[in-house]
Amino acid sequence: MVFLMVLQFCDPAPQESNVHNESQLSEVSHPGSLERNSHNFLEYSKSLMLSNGGDSVMLTTIVPVATSTPHVAAAAFYHCLVLATKHLIRLRQDAPYDDVIISVL
């Protein structure tokens, strides 16, 4: 179920490089869709925090390593960076290669 929820904030990976380039151009020309995806990621993160009863959630909880593609993981990390620069979430990583801890502000 987590994997299906993750896919709601991220488009599936295109199969061909030409399609991928067109997809990137589409996102640039339609910034609202990118903001919508970041908003969906934020709402999904909040729902996971509430269901776990905490004030933070691990990135690997949102994007499980075993079931997520590299494209989905990269998109999730990108949304983390976008939301952190807008001061909507706080990111923390205690050591290199440790999990990223996400807290909603």
PDB file of N, CA and C in Angstrom:
ATOM      1  N   MET A   1       0.817  -1.188   0.000  1.00  0.00           N
ATOM      2  CA  MET A   1       0.000   0.000   0.000  1.00  0.00           C
ATOM      3  C   MET A   1       0.864   1.257   0.000  1.00  0.00           C
ATOM      4  N   VAL A   2       1.963   1.240   0.697  1.00  0.00           N
ATOM      5  CA  VAL A   2       2.852   2.398   0.720  1.00  0.00           C
ATOM      6  C   VAL A   2       3.346   2.708  -0.676  1.00  0.00           C
ATOM      7  N   PHE A   3       3.706   1.689  -1.437  1.00  0.00           N
ATOM      8  CA  PHE A   3       4.223   1.891  -2.784  1.00  0.00           C
ATOM      9  C   PHE A   3       3.197   2.589  -3.656  1.00  0.00           C
ATOM     10  N   LEU A   4       1.921   2.208  -3.532  1.00  0.00           N
ATOM     11  CA  LEU A   4       0.884   2.852  -4.334  1.00  0.00           C
ATOM     12  C   LEU A   4       0.719   4.316  -3.947  1.00  0.00           C
ATOM     13  N   MET A   5       0.830   4.608  -2.667  1.00  0.00           N
ATOM     14  CA  MET A   5       0.706   5.992  -2.232  1.00  0.00           C
ATOM     15  C   MET A   5       1.872   6.828  -2.750  1.00  0.00           C
ATOM     16  N   VAL A   6       3.051   6.260  -2.771  1.00  0.00           N
ATOM     17  CA  VAL A   6       4.223   6.978  -3.266  1.00  0.00           C
ATOM     18  C   VAL A   6       4.037   7.343  -4.726  1.00  0.00           C
ATOM     19  N   LEU A   7       3.449   6.445  -5.497  1.00  0.00           N
ATOM     20  CA  LEU A   7       3.268   6.712  -6.919  1.00  0.00           C
ATOM     21  C   LEU A   7       2.288   7.849  -7.175  1.00  0.00           C
ATOM     22  N   GLN A   8       1.473   8.199  -6.193  1.00  0.00           N
ATOM     23  CA  GLN A   8       0.538   9.289  -6.393  1.00  0.00           C
ATOM     24  C   GLN A   8       1.236  10.637  -6.506  1.00  0.00           C
ATOM     25  N   PHE A   9       2.415  10.787  -5.918  1.00  0.00           N
ATOM     26  CA  PHE A   9       3.096  12.073  -6.014  1.00  0.00           C
ATOM     27  C   PHE A   9       4.199  12.073  -7.038  1.00  0.00           C
ATOM     28  N   CYS A  10       4.327  10.990  -7.793  1.00  0.00           N
ATOM     29  CA  CYS A  10       5.421  10.904  -8.753  1.00  0.00           C
ATOM     30  C   CYS A  10       4.945  10.180 -10.003  1.00  0.00           C
ATOM     31  N   ASP A  11       5.241  10.733 -11.160  1.00  0.00           N
ATOM     32  CA  ASP A  11       4.924  10.060 -12.405  1.00  0.00           C
ATOM     33  C   ASP A  11       5.836   8.860 -12.577  1.00  0.00           C
ATOM     34  N   PRO A  12       5.347   7.773 -13.206  1.00  0.00           N
ATOM     35  CA  PRO A  12       6.209   6.622 -13.429  1.00  0.00           C
ATOM     36  C   PRO A  12       7.360   6.965 -14.358  1.00  0.00           C
ATOM     37  N   ALA A  13       8.436   6.204 -14.237  1.00  0.00           N
ATOM     38  CA  ALA A  13       9.624   6.442 -15.059  1.00  0.00           C
ATOM     39  C   ALA A  13       9.323   6.129 -16.515  1.00  0.00           C
ATOM     40  N   PRO A  14       9.639   7.026 -17.435  1.00  0.00           N
ATOM     41  CA  PRO A  14       9.446   6.760 -18.855  1.00  0.00           C
ATOM     42  C   PRO A  14      10.382   5.653 -19.323  1.00  0.00           C
ATOM     43  N   GLN A  15       9.989   4.971 -20.376  1.00  0.00           N
ATOM     44  CA  GLN A  15      10.759   3.847 -20.878  1.00  0.00           C
ATOM     45  C   GLN A  15      11.838   4.267 -21.859  1.00  0.00           C
ATOM     46  N   GLU A  16      11.656   5.362 -22.549  1.00  0.00           N
ATOM     47  CA  GLU A  16      12.625   5.800 -23.547  1.00  0.00           C
ATOM     48  C   GLU A  16      13.187   7.164 -23.169  1.00  0.00           C
ATOM     49  N   SER A  17      14.430   7.401 -23.559  1.00  0.00           N
ATOM     50  CA  SER A  17      15.067   8.665 -23.195  1.00  0.00           C
ATOM     51  C   SER A  17      14.366   9.856 -23.847  1.00  0.00           C
ATOM     52  N   ASN A  18      13.843   9.697 -25.063  1.00  0.00           N
ATOM     53  CA  ASN A  18      13.132  10.801 -25.712  1.00  0.00           C
ATOM     54  C   ASN A  18      11.881  11.174 -24.935  1.00  0.00           C
ATOM     55  N   VAL A  19      11.182  10.161 -24.453  1.00  0.00           N
ATOM     56  CA  VAL A  19       9.987  10.420 -23.662  1.00  0.00           C
ATOM     57  C   VAL A  19      10.379  11.114 -22.367  1.00  0.00           C
ATOM     58  N   HIS A  20      11.499  10.694 -21.791  1.00  0.00           N
ATOM     59  CA  HIS A  20      11.968  11.305 -20.547  1.00  0.00           C
ATOM     60  C   HIS A  20      12.279  12.787 -20.751  1.00  0.00           C
ATOM     61  N   ASN A  21      12.945  13.119 -21.834  1.00  0.00           N
ATOM     62  CA  ASN A  21      13.266  14.518 -22.118  1.00  0.00           C
ATOM     63  C   ASN A  21      12.003  15.341 -22.319  1.00  0.00           C
ATOM     64  N   GLU A  22      11.007  14.769 -23.010  1.00  0.00           N
ATOM     65  CA  GLU A  22       9.744  15.470 -23.208  1.00  0.00           C
ATOM     66  C   GLU A  22       9.035  15.673 -21.874  1.00  0.00           C
ATOM     67  N   SER A  23       9.127  14.674 -20.999  1.00  0.00           N
ATOM     68  CA  SER A  23       8.507  14.778 -19.685  1.00  0.00           C
ATOM     69  C   SER A  23       9.146  15.903 -18.875  1.00  0.00           C
ATOM     70  N   GLN A  24      10.462  16.015 -18.927  1.00  0.00           N
ATOM     71  CA  GLN A  24      11.151  17.082 -18.212  1.00  0.00           C
ATOM     72  C   GLN A  24      10.737  18.442 -18.753  1.00  0.00           C
ATOM     73  N   LEU A  25      10.633  18.563 -20.053  1.00  0.00           N
ATOM     74  CA  LEU A  25      10.212  19.829 -20.649  1.00  0.00           C
ATOM     75  C   LEU A  25       8.792  20.168 -20.239  1.00  0.00           C
ATOM     76  N   SER A  26       7.936  19.157 -20.160  1.00  0.00           N
ATOM     77  CA  SER A  26       6.563  19.373 -19.757  1.00  0.00           C
ATOM     78  C   SER A  26       6.495  19.903 -18.328  1.00  0.00           C
ATOM     79  N   GLU A  27       7.314  19.345 -17.422  1.00  0.00           N
ATOM     80  CA  GLU A  27       7.319  19.811 -16.039  1.00  0.00           C
ATOM     81  C   GLU A  27       7.804  21.252 -15.946  1.00  0.00           C
ATOM     82  N   VAL A  28       8.783  21.601 -16.752  1.00  0.00           N
ATOM     83  CA  VAL A  28       9.310  22.965 -16.730  1.00  0.00           C
ATOM     84  C   VAL A  28       8.268  23.940 -17.254  1.00  0.00           C
ATOM     85  N   SER A  29       7.549  23.558 -18.302  1.00  0.00           N
ATOM     86  CA  SER A  29       6.563  24.461 -18.878  1.00  0.00           C
ATOM     87  C   SER A  29       5.268  24.508 -18.065  1.00  0.00           C
ATOM     88  N   HIS A  30       5.060  23.553 -17.174  1.00  0.00           N
ATOM     89  CA  HIS A  30       3.872  23.511 -16.319  1.00  0.00           C
ATOM     90  C   HIS A  30       4.304  23.395 -14.858  1.00  0.00           C
ATOM     91  N   PRO A  31       4.820  24.468 -14.270  1.00  0.00           N
ATOM     92  CA  PRO A  31       5.326  24.386 -12.901  1.00  0.00           C
ATOM     93  C   PRO A  31       4.252  24.051 -11.876  1.00  0.00           C
ATOM     94  N   GLY A  32       2.996  24.297 -12.195  1.00  0.00           N
ATOM     95  CA  GLY A  32       1.920  23.964 -11.263  1.00  0.00           C
ATOM     96  C   GLY A  32       1.847  22.487 -10.967  1.00  0.00           C
ATOM     97  N   SER A  33       2.127  21.649 -11.962  1.00  0.00           N
ATOM     98  CA  SER A  33       2.090  20.206 -11.731  1.00  0.00           C
ATOM     99  C   SER A  33       3.206  19.782 -10.796  1.00  0.00           C
ATOM    100  N   LEU A  34       4.350  20.441 -10.903  1.00  0.00           N
ATOM    101  CA  LEU A  34       5.464  20.131 -10.017  1.00  0.00           C
ATOM    102  C   LEU A  34       5.119  20.537  -8.590  1.00  0.00           C
ATOM    103  N   GLU A  35       4.526  21.705  -8.412  1.00  0.00           N
ATOM    104  CA  GLU A  35       4.113  22.141  -7.084  1.00  0.00           C
ATOM    105  C   GLU A  35       3.040  21.226  -6.519  1.00  0.00           C
ATOM    106  N   ARG A  36       2.139  20.762  -7.357  1.00  0.00           N
ATOM    107  CA  ARG A  36       1.088  19.855  -6.920  1.00  0.00           C
ATOM    108  C   ARG A  36       1.700  18.552  -6.414  1.00  0.00           C
ATOM    109  N   ASN A  37       2.704  18.048  -7.132  1.00  0.00           N
ATOM    110  CA  ASN A  37       3.363  16.816  -6.707  1.00  0.00           C
ATOM    111  C   ASN A  37       4.078  17.011  -5.377  1.00  0.00           C
ATOM    112  N   SER A  38       4.714  18.146  -5.183  1.00  0.00           N
ATOM    113  CA  SER A  38       5.372  18.425  -3.904  1.00  0.00           C
ATOM    114  C   SER A  38       4.342  18.536  -2.785  1.00  0.00           C
ATOM    115  N   HIS A  39       3.214  19.161  -3.078  1.00  0.00           N
ATOM    116  CA  HIS A  39       2.135  19.260  -2.085  1.00  0.00           C
ATOM    117  C   HIS A  39       1.615  17.867  -1.728  1.00  0.00           C
ATOM    118  N   ASN A  40       1.425  17.015  -2.730  1.00  0.00           N
ATOM    119  CA  ASN A  40       0.973  15.646  -2.473  1.00  0.00           C
ATOM    120  C   ASN A  40       1.980  14.896  -1.605  1.00  0.00           C
ATOM    121  N   PHE A  41       3.264  15.099  -1.868  1.00  0.00           N
ATOM    122  CA  PHE A  41       4.305  14.466  -1.063  1.00  0.00           C
ATOM    123  C   PHE A  41       4.215  14.951   0.383  1.00  0.00           C
ATOM    124  N   LEU A  42       4.015  16.247   0.570  1.00  0.00           N
ATOM    125  CA  LEU A  42       3.900  16.815   1.910  1.00  0.00           C
ATOM    126  C   LEU A  42       2.702  16.224   2.648  1.00  0.00           C
ATOM    127  N   GLU A  43       1.567  16.162   1.995  1.00  0.00           N
ATOM    128  CA  GLU A  43       0.365  15.617   2.628  1.00  0.00           C
ATOM    129  C   GLU A  43       0.537  14.142   2.967  1.00  0.00           C
ATOM    130  N   TYR A  44       1.168  13.393   2.088  1.00  0.00           N
ATOM    131  CA  TYR A  44       1.415  11.974   2.350  1.00  0.00           C
ATOM    132  C   TYR A  44       2.364  11.820   3.534  1.00  0.00           C
ATOM    133  N   SER A  45       3.387  12.647   3.608  1.00  0.00           N
ATOM    134  CA  SER A  45       4.328  12.611   4.734  1.00  0.00           C
ATOM    135  C   SER A  45       3.605  12.905   6.042  1.00  0.00           C
ATOM    136  N   LYS A  46       2.729  13.913   6.022  1.00  0.00           N
ATOM    137  CA  LYS A  46       1.959  14.258   7.219  1.00  0.00           C
ATOM    138  C   LYS A  46       1.082  13.093   7.659  1.00  0.00           C
ATOM    139  N   SER A  47       0.438  12.440   6.695  1.00  0.00           N
ATOM    140  CA  SER A  47      -0.443  11.324   7.054  1.00  0.00           C
ATOM    141  C   SER A  47       0.349  10.169   7.660  1.00  0.00           C
ATOM    142  N   LEU A  48       1.552   9.924   7.165  1.00  0.00           N
ATOM    143  CA  LEU A  48       2.389   8.879   7.758  1.00  0.00           C
ATOM    144  C   LEU A  48       2.820   9.256   9.171  1.00  0.00           C
ATOM    145  N   MET A  49       3.144  10.520   9.387  1.00  0.00           N
ATOM    146  CA  MET A  49       3.527  10.970  10.733  1.00  0.00           C
ATOM    147  C   MET A  49       2.376  10.779  11.709  1.00  0.00           C
ATOM    148  N   LEU A  50       1.178  11.164  11.285  1.00  0.00           N
ATOM    149  CA  LEU A  50       0.012  11.029  12.155  1.00  0.00           C
ATOM    150  C   LEU A  50      -0.289   9.566  12.454  1.00  0.00           C
ATOM    151  N   SER A  51      -0.193   8.714  11.448  1.00  0.00           N
ATOM    152  CA  SER A  51      -0.490   7.296  11.663  1.00  0.00           C
ATOM    153  C   SER A  51       0.558   6.618  12.540  1.00  0.00           C
ATOM    154  N   ASN A  52       1.793   7.129  12.524  1.00  0.00           N
ATOM    155  CA  ASN A  52       2.851   6.575  13.373  1.00  0.00           C
ATOM    156  C   ASN A  52       2.875   7.228  14.751  1.00  0.00           C
ATOM    157  N   GLY A  53       2.099   8.281  14.934  1.00  0.00           N
ATOM    158  CA  GLY A  53       2.024   8.950  16.221  1.00  0.00           C
ATOM    159  C   GLY A  53       3.257   9.755  16.585  1.00  0.00           C
ATOM    160  N   GLY A  54       4.031  10.153  15.588  1.00  0.00           N
ATOM    161  CA  GLY A  54       5.243  10.918  15.862  1.00  0.00           C
ATOM    162  C   GLY A  54       5.221  12.269  15.192  1.00  0.00           C
ATOM    163  N   ASP A  55       6.305  13.001  15.379  1.00  0.00           N
ATOM    164  CA  ASP A  55       6.417  14.313  14.747  1.00  0.00           C
ATOM    165  C   ASP A  55       7.414  14.303  13.597  1.00  0.00           C
ATOM    166  N   SER A  56       7.894  13.106  13.247  1.00  0.00           N
ATOM    167  CA  SER A  56       8.814  12.982  12.114  1.00  0.00           C
ATOM    168  C   SER A  56       8.620  11.615  11.461  1.00  0.00           C
ATOM    169  N   VAL A  57       9.179  11.491  10.269  1.00  0.00           N
ATOM    170  CA  VAL A  57       9.108  10.231   9.528  1.00  0.00           C
ATOM    171  C   VAL A  57      10.413  10.072   8.759  1.00  0.00           C
ATOM    172  N   MET A  58      10.844   8.841   8.604  1.00  0.00           N
ATOM    173  CA  MET A  58      12.065   8.549   7.858  1.00  0.00           C
ATOM    174  C   MET A  58      11.749   8.523   6.361  1.00  0.00           C
ATOM    175  N   LEU A  59      12.697   8.974   5.564  1.00  0.00           N
ATOM    176  CA  LEU A  59      12.509   8.943   4.112  1.00  0.00           C
ATOM    177  C   LEU A  59      12.296   7.512   3.629  1.00  0.00           C
ATOM    178  N   THR A  60      12.969   6.536   4.242  1.00  0.00           N
ATOM    179  CA  THR A  60      12.795   5.142   3.814  1.00  0.00           C
ATOM    180  C   THR A  60      11.431   4.580   4.204  1.00  0.00           C
ATOM    181  N   THR A  61      10.723   5.246   5.098  1.00  0.00           N
ATOM    182  CA  THR A  61       9.342   4.855   5.386  1.00  0.00           C
ATOM    183  C   THR A  61       8.441   5.308   4.246  1.00  0.00           C
ATOM    184  N   ILE A  62       8.705   6.478   3.736  1.00  0.00           N
ATOM    185  CA  ILE A  62       7.918   7.013   2.628  1.00  0.00           C
ATOM    186  C   ILE A  62       8.265   6.299   1.328  1.00  0.00           C
ATOM    187  N   VAL A  63       9.543   6.038   1.129  1.00  0.00           N
ATOM    188  CA  VAL A  63      10.034   5.402  -0.100  1.00  0.00           C
ATOM    189  C   VAL A  63      10.829   4.155   0.304  1.00  0.00           C
ATOM    190  N   PRO A  64      10.136   3.025   0.512  1.00  0.00           N
ATOM    191  CA  PRO A  64      10.841   1.807   0.927  1.00  0.00           C
ATOM    192  C   PRO A  64      11.870   1.365  -0.112  1.00  0.00           C
ATOM    193  N   VAL A  65      13.056   1.062   0.359  1.00  0.00           N
ATOM    194  CA  VAL A  65      14.154   0.682  -0.533  1.00  0.00           C
ATOM    195  C   VAL A  65      13.804  -0.567  -1.334  1.00  0.00           C
ATOM    196  N   ALA A  66      13.156  -1.529  -0.706  1.00  0.00           N
ATOM    197  CA  ALA A  66      12.891  -2.815  -1.352  1.00  0.00           C
ATOM    198  C   ALA A  66      11.861  -2.726  -2.476  1.00  0.00           C
ATOM    199  N   THR A  67      10.968  -1.753  -2.415  1.00  0.00           N
ATOM    200  CA  THR A  67       9.870  -1.719  -3.384  1.00  0.00           C
ATOM    201  C   THR A  67       9.839  -0.481  -4.266  1.00  0.00           C
ATOM    202  N   SER A  68      10.779   0.423  -4.096  1.00  0.00           N
ATOM    203  CA  SER A  68      10.763   1.676  -4.856  1.00  0.00           C
ATOM    204  C   SER A  68      11.843   1.689  -5.924  1.00  0.00           C
ATOM    205  N   THR A  69      11.503   2.249  -7.064  1.00  0.00           N
ATOM    206  CA  THR A  69      12.484   2.385  -8.143  1.00  0.00           C
ATOM    207  C   THR A  69      13.394   3.577  -7.846  1.00  0.00           C
ATOM    208  N   PRO A  70      14.558   3.625  -8.465  1.00  0.00           N
ATOM    209  CA  PRO A  70      15.429   4.793  -8.290  1.00  0.00           C
ATOM    210  C   PRO A  70      14.740   6.100  -8.700  1.00  0.00           C
ATOM    211  N   HIS A  71      13.898   6.047  -9.717  1.00  0.00           N
ATOM    212  CA  HIS A  71      13.178   7.241 -10.165  1.00  0.00           C
ATOM    213  C   HIS A  71      12.259   7.766  -9.063  1.00  0.00           C
ATOM    214  N   VAL A  72      11.535   6.876  -8.409  1.00  0.00           N
ATOM    215  CA  VAL A  72      10.625   7.275  -7.338  1.00  0.00           C
ATOM    216  C   VAL A  72      11.419   7.834  -6.157  1.00  0.00           C
ATOM    217  N   ALA A  73      12.531   7.182  -5.824  1.00  0.00           N
ATOM    218  CA  ALA A  73      13.370   7.653  -4.713  1.00  0.00           C
ATOM    219  C   ALA A  73      13.938   9.038  -5.011  1.00  0.00           C
ATOM    220  N   ALA A  74      14.403   9.244  -6.226  1.00  0.00           N
ATOM    221  CA  ALA A  74      14.960  10.545  -6.606  1.00  0.00           C
ATOM    222  C   ALA A  74      13.884  11.629  -6.578  1.00  0.00           C
ATOM    223  N   ALA A  75      12.689  11.298  -7.047  1.00  0.00           N
ATOM    224  CA  ALA A  75      11.591  12.268  -7.029  1.00  0.00           C
ATOM    225  C   ALA A  75      11.216  12.633  -5.594  1.00  0.00           C
ATOM    226  N   ALA A  76      11.178  11.649  -4.714  1.00  0.00           N
ATOM    227  CA  ALA A  76      10.855  11.909  -3.310  1.00  0.00           C
ATOM    228  C   ALA A  76      11.912  12.807  -2.674  1.00  0.00           C
ATOM    229  N   PHE A  77      13.172  12.517  -2.941  1.00  0.00           N
ATOM    230  CA  PHE A  77      14.252  13.338  -2.388  1.00  0.00           C
ATOM    231  C   PHE A  77      14.173  14.761  -2.940  1.00  0.00           C
ATOM    232  N   TYR A  78      13.862  14.886  -4.207  1.00  0.00           N
ATOM    233  CA  TYR A  78      13.696  16.209  -4.820  1.00  0.00           C
ATOM    234  C   TYR A  78      12.580  16.987  -4.116  1.00  0.00           C
ATOM    235  N   HIS A  79      11.450  16.322  -3.874  1.00  0.00           N
ATOM    236  CA  HIS A  79      10.345  16.995  -3.190  1.00  0.00           C
ATOM    237  C   HIS A  79      10.755  17.414  -1.780  1.00  0.00           C
ATOM    238  N   CYS A  80      11.571  16.590  -1.124  1.00  0.00           N
ATOM    239  CA  CYS A  80      12.094  16.969   0.198  1.00  0.00           C
ATOM    240  C   CYS A  80      12.884  18.265   0.108  1.00  0.00           C
ATOM    241  N   LEU A  81      13.745  18.358  -0.883  1.00  0.00           N
ATOM    242  CA  LEU A  81      14.569  19.560  -1.035  1.00  0.00           C
ATOM    243  C   LEU A  81      13.723  20.787  -1.358  1.00  0.00           C
ATOM    244  N   VAL A  82      12.739  20.619  -2.234  1.00  0.00           N
ATOM    245  CA  VAL A  82      11.849  21.732  -2.587  1.00  0.00           C
ATOM    246  C   VAL A  82      11.098  22.216  -1.352  1.00  0.00           C
ATOM    247  N   LEU A  83      10.526  21.286  -0.598  1.00  0.00           N
ATOM    248  CA  LEU A  83       9.738  21.656   0.577  1.00  0.00           C
ATOM    249  C   LEU A  83      10.605  22.248   1.683  1.00  0.00           C
ATOM    250  N   ALA A  84      11.833  21.770   1.803  1.00  0.00           N
ATOM    251  CA  ALA A  84      12.742  22.318   2.818  1.00  0.00           C
ATOM    252  C   ALA A  84      13.147  23.750   2.474  1.00  0.00           C
ATOM    253  N   THR A  85      13.358  24.038   1.199  1.00  0.00           N
ATOM    254  CA  THR A  85      13.727  25.405   0.819  1.00  0.00           C
ATOM    255  C   THR A  85      12.560  26.374   1.010  1.00  0.00           C
ATOM    256  N   LYS A  86      11.337  25.842   1.018  1.00  0.00           N
ATOM    257  CA  LYS A  86      10.157  26.675   1.268  1.00  0.00           C
ATOM    258  C   LYS A  86       9.803  26.703   2.756  1.00  0.00           C
ATOM    259  N   HIS A  87      10.656  26.099   3.588  1.00  0.00           N
ATOM    260  CA  HIS A  87      10.486  26.065   5.047  1.00  0.00           C
ATOM    261  C   HIS A  87       9.178  25.398   5.463  1.00  0.00           C
ATOM    262  N   LEU A  88       8.781  24.363   4.724  1.00  0.00           N
ATOM    263  CA  LEU A  88       7.592  23.597   5.081  1.00  0.00           C
ATOM    264  C   LEU A  88       7.953  22.324   5.830  1.00  0.00           C
ATOM    265  N   ILE A  89       9.169  21.828   5.612  1.00  0.00           N
ATOM    266  CA  ILE A  89       9.667  20.668   6.339  1.00  0.00           C
ATOM    267  C   ILE A  89      11.102  20.941   6.775  1.00  0.00           C
ATOM    268  N   ARG A  90      11.554  20.165   7.743  1.00  0.00           N
ATOM    269  CA  ARG A  90      12.958  20.211   8.166  1.00  0.00           C
ATOM    270  C   ARG A  90      13.546  18.832   7.898  1.00  0.00           C
ATOM    271  N   LEU A  91      14.730  18.822   7.311  1.00  0.00           N
ATOM    272  CA  LEU A  91      15.431  17.573   7.017  1.00  0.00           C
ATOM    273  C   LEU A  91      16.623  17.443   7.948  1.00  0.00           C
ATOM    274  N   ARG A  92      16.856  16.215   8.411  1.00  0.00           N
ATOM    275  CA  ARG A  92      18.010  15.961   9.263  1.00  0.00           C
ATOM    276  C   ARG A  92      18.602  14.605   8.900  1.00  0.00           C
ATOM    277  N   GLN A  93      19.912  14.552   8.847  1.00  0.00           N
ATOM    278  CA  GLN A  93      20.628  13.305   8.606  1.00  0.00           C
ATOM    279  C   GLN A  93      21.794  13.308   9.589  1.00  0.00           C
ATOM    280  N   ASP A  94      21.789  12.359  10.513  1.00  0.00           N
ATOM    281  CA  ASP A  94      22.757  12.376  11.606  1.00  0.00           C
ATOM    282  C   ASP A  94      24.171  12.003  11.187  1.00  0.00           C
ATOM    283  N   ALA A  95      24.302  11.196  10.150  1.00  0.00           N
ATOM    284  CA  ALA A  95      25.627  10.776   9.677  1.00  0.00           C
ATOM    285  C   ALA A  95      25.526  10.485   8.184  1.00  0.00           C
ATOM    286  N   PRO A  96      26.650  10.524   7.478  1.00  0.00           N
ATOM    287  CA  PRO A  96      26.617  10.192   6.050  1.00  0.00           C
ATOM    288  C   PRO A  96      26.006   8.805   5.828  1.00  0.00           C
ATOM    289  N   TYR A  97      25.169   8.704   4.838  1.00  0.00           N
ATOM    290  CA  TYR A  97      24.492   7.469   4.437  1.00  0.00           C
ATOM    291  C   TYR A  97      23.426   7.009   5.426  1.00  0.00           C
ATOM    292  N   ASP A  98      23.159   7.770   6.487  1.00  0.00           N
ATOM    293  CA  ASP A  98      22.040   7.467   7.377  1.00  0.00           C
ATOM    294  C   ASP A  98      20.746   7.883   6.694  1.00  0.00           C
ATOM    295  N   ASP A  99      19.652   7.410   7.245  1.00  0.00           N
ATOM    296  CA  ASP A  99      18.350   7.779   6.715  1.00  0.00           C
ATOM    297  C   ASP A  99      18.094   9.265   6.958  1.00  0.00           C
ATOM    298  N   VAL A 100      17.317   9.858   6.089  1.00  0.00           N
ATOM    299  CA  VAL A 100      16.931  11.263   6.220  1.00  0.00           C
ATOM    300  C   VAL A 100      15.652  11.316   7.050  1.00  0.00           C
ATOM    301  N   ILE A 101      15.665  12.152   8.074  1.00  0.00           N
ATOM    302  CA  ILE A 101      14.512  12.319   8.951  1.00  0.00           C
ATOM    303  C   ILE A 101      13.771  13.580   8.514  1.00  0.00           C
ATOM    304  N   ILE A 102      12.472  13.433   8.280  1.00  0.00           N
ATOM    305  CA  ILE A 102      11.635  14.532   7.796  1.00  0.00           C
ATOM    306  C   ILE A 102      10.698  14.965   8.916  1.00  0.00           C
ATOM    307  N   SER A 103      10.701  16.250   9.229  1.00  0.00           N
ATOM    308  CA  SER A 103       9.785  16.826  10.217  1.00  0.00           C
ATOM    309  C   SER A 103       9.008  17.948   9.546  1.00  0.00           C
ATOM    310  N   VAL A 104       7.698  17.953   9.746  1.00  0.00           N
ATOM    311  CA  VAL A 104       6.864  19.016   9.183  1.00  0.00           C
ATOM    312  C   VAL A 104       6.884  20.197  10.135  1.00  0.00           C
ATOM    313  N   LEU A 105       7.078  21.385   9.581  1.00  0.00           N
ATOM    314  CA  LEU A 105       7.124  22.609  10.403  1.00  0.00           C
ATOM    315  C   LEU A 105       5.754  23.234  10.527  1.00  0.00           C
TER     316      LEU A 105
END
